[in-house]
C-alpha atoms as a PDB file:
ATOM      1  CA  MET A   1      17.810   2.356  -1.853  1.00  0.00           C
ATOM      2  CA  LEU A   2      16.650  -1.087  -0.423  1.00  0.00           C
ATOM      3  CA  GLN A   3      20.054  -1.619   0.731  1.00  0.00           C
ATOM      4  CA  GLN A   4      20.015   1.197   3.112  1.00  0.00           C
ATOM      5  CA  ALA A   5      16.254   0.374   4.573  1.00  0.00           C
ATOM      6  CA  PRO A   6      13.554  -2.119   3.971  1.00  0.00           C
ATOM      7  CA  GLY A   7      10.992  -1.253   1.629  1.00  0.00           C
ATOM      8  CA  CYS A   8       8.223  -2.743  -0.844  1.00  0.00           C
ATOM      9  CA  PHE A   9       6.179  -1.903  -3.898  1.00  0.00           C
ATOM     10  CA  ILE A  10       2.477  -2.322  -4.248  1.00  0.00           C
ATOM     11  CA  MET A  11       0.706  -2.182  -7.413  1.00  0.00           C
ATOM     12  CA  LEU A  12      -2.898  -1.313  -7.144  1.00  0.00           C
ATOM     13  CA  GLY A  13      -4.984  -1.807 -10.370  1.00  0.00           C
ATOM     14  CA  VAL A  14      -7.318   1.359 -10.661  1.00  0.00           C
ATOM     15  CA  GLN A  15      -8.731   0.849 -14.207  1.00  0.00           C
ATOM     16  CA  ASN A  16     -12.204   0.123 -14.649  1.00  0.00           C
ATOM     17  CA  PRO A  17     -12.846  -2.531 -17.543  1.00  0.00           C
ATOM     18  CA  ALA A  18     -16.298  -0.835 -17.992  1.00  0.00           C
ATOM     19  CA  TRP A  19     -14.688   2.207 -19.506  1.00  0.00           C
ATOM     20  CA  GLY A  20     -13.601   0.271 -22.641  1.00  0.00           C
ATOM     21  CA  GLN A  21     -10.460   2.292 -22.895  1.00  0.00           C
ATOM     22  CA  VAL A  22      -7.130   2.467 -20.892  1.00  0.00           C
ATOM     23  CA  TYR A  23      -6.218   5.819 -19.375  1.00  0.00           C
ATOM     24  CA  PRO A  24      -2.345   5.461 -18.787  1.00  0.00           C
ATOM     25  CA  VAL A  25      -0.659   6.882 -15.764  1.00  0.00           C
ATOM     26  CA  HIS A  26       1.570   9.966 -16.480  1.00  0.00           C
ATOM     27  CA  THR A  27      -0.502  11.467 -19.393  1.00  0.00           C
ATOM     28  CA  PRO A  28      -3.142  14.140 -19.320  1.00  0.00           C
ATOM     29  CA  THR A  29      -6.029  11.480 -19.734  1.00  0.00           C
ATOM     30  CA  PHE A  30      -5.082   9.344 -16.986  1.00  0.00           C
ATOM     31  CA  ARG A  31      -8.266   8.306 -15.292  1.00  0.00           C
ATOM     32  CA  LEU A  32      -8.678   5.992 -12.013  1.00  0.00           C
ATOM     33  CA  ASP A  33     -11.640   3.997 -10.522  1.00  0.00           C
ATOM     34  CA  GLU A  34     -12.070   5.698  -7.224  1.00  0.00           C
ATOM     35  CA  ALA A  35     -13.676   2.384  -5.910  1.00  0.00           C
ATOM     36  CA  ALA A  36      -9.976   1.147  -5.773  1.00  0.00           C
ATOM     37  CA  LEU A  37      -8.734   3.682  -3.066  1.00  0.00           C
ATOM     38  CA  PRO A  38     -10.277   1.943   0.066  1.00  0.00           C
ATOM     39  CA  ILE A  39      -8.458  -1.330  -1.190  1.00  0.00           C
ATOM     40  CA  GLY A  40      -5.379   0.598  -1.615  1.00  0.00           C
ATOM     41  CA  THR A  41      -5.740   2.410   1.666  1.00  0.00           C
ATOM     42  CA  ALA A  42      -6.517  -1.013   3.519  1.00  0.00           C
ATOM     43  CA  ALA A  43      -3.383  -2.649   1.872  1.00  0.00           C
ATOM     44  CA  LEU A  44      -1.078   0.093   3.169  1.00  0.00           C
ATOM     45  CA  VAL A  45      -2.521   0.166   6.639  1.00  0.00           C
ATOM     46  CA  ALA A  46      -2.294  -3.514   7.043  1.00  0.00           C
ATOM     47  CA  THR A  47       1.287  -3.281   5.957  1.00  0.00           C
ATOM     48  CA  ALA A  48       1.984  -0.321   8.315  1.00  0.00           C
ATOM     49  CA  VAL A  49       0.333  -2.398  11.218  1.00  0.00           C
ATOM     50  CA  GLY A  50       2.265  -5.634  10.266  1.00  0.00           C
ATOM     51  CA  TRP A  51       5.525  -3.708  10.300  1.00  0.00           C
ATOM     52  CA  MET A  52       4.822  -2.034  13.665  1.00  0.00           C
ATOM     53  CA  GLN A  53       3.713  -5.351  15.289  1.00  0.00           C
ATOM     54  CA  GLN A  54       7.081  -6.975  14.296  1.00  0.00           C
ATOM     55  CA  ARG A  55       9.436  -4.132  15.475  1.00  0.00           C
ATOM     56  CA  PRO A  56      10.594  -4.715  18.895  1.00  0.00           C
ATOM     57  CA  SER A  57       9.266  -2.376  21.782  1.00  0.00           C
ATOM     58  CA  LYS A  58      11.437   0.068  23.355  1.00  0.00           C
ATOM     59  CA  GLU A  59      10.342  -1.088  26.607  1.00  0.00           C
ATOM     60  CA  ASN A  60      11.159  -4.705  26.534  1.00  0.00           C
ATOM     61  CA  GLY A  61      12.903  -5.426  23.178  1.00  0.00           C
ATOM     62  CA  GLN A  62       9.901  -7.977  22.368  1.00  0.00           C
ATOM     63  CA  PRO A  63       7.624  -7.299  19.298  1.00  0.00           C
ATOM     64  CA  ILE A  64       4.523  -5.344  19.967  1.00  0.00           C
ATOM     65  CA  GLN A  65       1.431  -7.673  20.633  1.00  0.00           C
ATOM     66  CA  ARG A  66      -1.710  -7.202  18.906  1.00  0.00           C
ATOM     67  CA  THR A  67      -4.578  -6.682  21.327  1.00  0.00           C
END
């Protein structure tokens, strides 16, 4: 698929070491530390903003400048 369009993969750690047990993904016991969600959200937003700033503007063909 990456031959068709650019992409990326972000691994976000959502395990809390204080739990003392691993709760793997794709199982009925999966648990995630919700404190990781704002970090993941910030990473995705930063990625999207960076991508948008590098894209050429339709008006002048130049990358969009951050204000």
